């Protein structure tokens, strides 16, 4: 079975989004860290049925990294919206 370590994808997505998030929400950015946001996003992914389904389907189709990268970006936006 194909496997992928999703944490580097999440770290990269959070890093790309952090400056905009911090500019839009400076008070939240003072009490949060990129690492906390990474861990929160990973926890949300573990609970997300769309993620679970996508990872199974992507592995079967052999397009895991691309599919997961798209899904990580989508879920990160949801996590950031919950924080805002």
C-alpha atoms as a PDB file:
ATOM      1  CA  UNK A   1       0.000   0.000   0.000  1.00  0.00           C
ATOM      2  CA  UNK A   2       1.189   3.542  -0.740  1.00  0.00           C
ATOM      3  CA  UNK A   3       1.833   5.740   2.259  1.00  0.00           C
ATOM      4  CA  UNK A   4       2.791   9.366   2.630  1.00  0.00           C
ATOM      5  CA  UNK A   5       3.873  11.452   5.591  1.00  0.00           C
ATOM      6  CA  UNK A   6       1.270  14.211   5.526  1.00  0.00           C
ATOM      7  CA  UNK A   7       2.955  16.433   8.144  1.00  0.00           C
ATOM      8  CA  UNK A   8       5.431  18.070   5.699  1.00  0.00           C
ATOM      9  CA  UNK A   9       2.521  18.929   3.389  1.00  0.00           C
ATOM     10  CA  UNK A  10       0.620  20.501   6.276  1.00  0.00           C
ATOM     11  CA  UNK A  11       3.725  22.359   7.488  1.00  0.00           C
ATOM     12  CA  UNK A  12       4.280  23.801   4.017  1.00  0.00           C
ATOM     13  CA  UNK A  13       0.630  24.841   3.659  1.00  0.00           C
ATOM     14  CA  UNK A  14       0.617  26.499   7.089  1.00  0.00           C
ATOM     15  CA  UNK A  15       3.899  28.271   6.373  1.00  0.00           C
ATOM     16  CA  UNK A  16       2.512  29.649   3.086  1.00  0.00           C
ATOM     17  CA  UNK A  17      -0.678  30.864   4.813  1.00  0.00           C
ATOM     18  CA  UNK A  18       0.860  32.164   8.054  1.00  0.00           C
ATOM     19  CA  UNK A  19       1.874  35.692   6.997  1.00  0.00           C
ATOM     20  CA  UNK A  20      -1.573  36.479   5.590  1.00  0.00           C
ATOM     21  CA  UNK A  21      -3.249  34.965   8.650  1.00  0.00           C
ATOM     22  CA  UNK A  22      -1.002  36.954  11.011  1.00  0.00           C
ATOM     23  CA  UNK A  23      -1.675  40.171   9.080  1.00  0.00           C
ATOM     24  CA  UNK A  24      -5.435  39.580   9.130  1.00  0.00           C
ATOM     25  CA  UNK A  25      -5.546  38.400  12.767  1.00  0.00           C
ATOM     26  CA  UNK A  26      -2.567  39.884  14.639  1.00  0.00           C
ATOM     27  CA  UNK A  27      -3.958  39.193  18.107  1.00  0.00           C
ATOM     28  CA  UNK A  28      -4.545  35.505  17.337  1.00  0.00           C
ATOM     29  CA  UNK A  29      -1.110  35.237  15.751  1.00  0.00           C
ATOM     30  CA  UNK A  30       0.423  36.470  19.011  1.00  0.00           C
ATOM     31  CA  UNK A  31      -0.979  33.508  20.934  1.00  0.00           C
ATOM     32  CA  UNK A  32      -0.772  30.849  18.225  1.00  0.00           C
ATOM     33  CA  UNK A  33       2.236  29.399  16.523  1.00  0.00           C
ATOM     34  CA  UNK A  34       2.705  27.757  13.160  1.00  0.00           C
ATOM     35  CA  UNK A  35       3.437  24.462  14.944  1.00  0.00           C
ATOM     36  CA  UNK A  36       0.185  24.637  16.925  1.00  0.00           C
ATOM     37  CA  UNK A  37      -1.686  25.288  13.696  1.00  0.00           C
ATOM     38  CA  UNK A  38       0.073  22.320  12.059  1.00  0.00           C
ATOM     39  CA  UNK A  39      -0.933  20.031  14.917  1.00  0.00           C
ATOM     40  CA  UNK A  40      -4.526  21.334  14.884  1.00  0.00           C
ATOM     41  CA  UNK A  41      -4.780  20.788  11.140  1.00  0.00           C
ATOM     42  CA  UNK A  42      -3.373  17.262  11.432  1.00  0.00           C
ATOM     43  CA  UNK A  43      -5.948  16.484  14.133  1.00  0.00           C
ATOM     44  CA  UNK A  44      -8.741  17.814  11.902  1.00  0.00           C
ATOM     45  CA  UNK A  45      -7.486  15.688   9.010  1.00  0.00           C
ATOM     46  CA  UNK A  46      -7.602  12.570  11.170  1.00  0.00           C
ATOM     47  CA  UNK A  47     -11.280  13.243  11.925  1.00  0.00           C
ATOM     48  CA  UNK A  48     -12.321  14.353   8.450  1.00  0.00           C
ATOM     49  CA  UNK A  49     -14.289  11.728   6.464  1.00  0.00           C
ATOM     50  CA  UNK A  50     -13.450  13.438   3.148  1.00  0.00           C
ATOM     51  CA  UNK A  51      -9.742  13.109   3.985  1.00  0.00           C
ATOM     52  CA  UNK A  52     -10.135   9.440   4.908  1.00  0.00           C
ATOM     53  CA  UNK A  53     -12.002   8.738   1.678  1.00  0.00           C
ATOM     54  CA  UNK A  54      -9.551  10.768  -0.426  1.00  0.00           C
ATOM     55  CA  UNK A  55      -6.496   9.057   0.996  1.00  0.00           C
ATOM     56  CA  UNK A  56      -7.988   5.648   0.219  1.00  0.00           C
ATOM     57  CA  UNK A  57      -9.008   6.644  -3.296  1.00  0.00           C
ATOM     58  CA  UNK A  58      -5.755   8.466  -4.021  1.00  0.00           C
ATOM     59  CA  UNK A  59      -3.670   5.512  -2.914  1.00  0.00           C
ATOM     60  CA  UNK A  60      -5.685   3.231  -5.153  1.00  0.00           C
ATOM     61  CA  UNK A  61      -5.264   5.596  -8.101  1.00  0.00           C
ATOM     62  CA  UNK A  62      -1.596   6.319  -7.433  1.00  0.00           C
ATOM     63  CA  UNK A  63      -2.069  10.078  -7.148  1.00  0.00           C
ATOM     64  CA  UNK A  64      -1.737  10.399  -3.420  1.00  0.00           C
ATOM     65  CA  UNK A  65       0.555  13.432  -3.031  1.00  0.00           C
ATOM     66  CA  UNK A  66      -1.368  15.672  -5.431  1.00  0.00           C
ATOM     67  CA  UNK A  67      -4.752  14.762  -3.969  1.00  0.00           C
ATOM     68  CA  UNK A  68      -3.577  15.154  -0.396  1.00  0.00           C
ATOM     69  CA  UNK A  69      -1.908  18.477  -1.140  1.00  0.00           C
ATOM     70  CA  UNK A  70      -5.203  19.838  -2.465  1.00  0.00           C
ATOM     71  CA  UNK A  71      -7.123  18.486   0.511  1.00  0.00           C
ATOM     72  CA  UNK A  72      -4.610  19.845   3.040  1.00  0.00           C
ATOM     73  CA  UNK A  73      -4.997  23.313   1.544  1.00  0.00           C
ATOM     74  CA  UNK A  74      -8.773  23.095   1.735  1.00  0.00           C
ATOM     75  CA  UNK A  75      -8.787  21.867   5.315  1.00  0.00           C
ATOM     76  CA  UNK A  76      -6.229  24.468   6.411  1.00  0.00           C
ATOM     77  CA  UNK A  77      -8.523  27.206   5.098  1.00  0.00           C
ATOM     78  CA  UNK A  78     -11.343  25.684   7.168  1.00  0.00           C
ATOM     79  CA  UNK A  79      -9.160  25.615  10.298  1.00  0.00           C
ATOM     80  CA  UNK A  80      -8.107  29.228   9.755  1.00  0.00           C
ATOM     81  CA  UNK A  81     -11.733  30.272   9.234  1.00  0.00           C
ATOM     82  CA  UNK A  82     -12.701  28.620  12.524  1.00  0.00           C
ATOM     83  CA  UNK A  83      -9.982  30.615  14.298  1.00  0.00           C
ATOM     84  CA  UNK A  84     -10.988  33.929  12.758  1.00  0.00           C
END
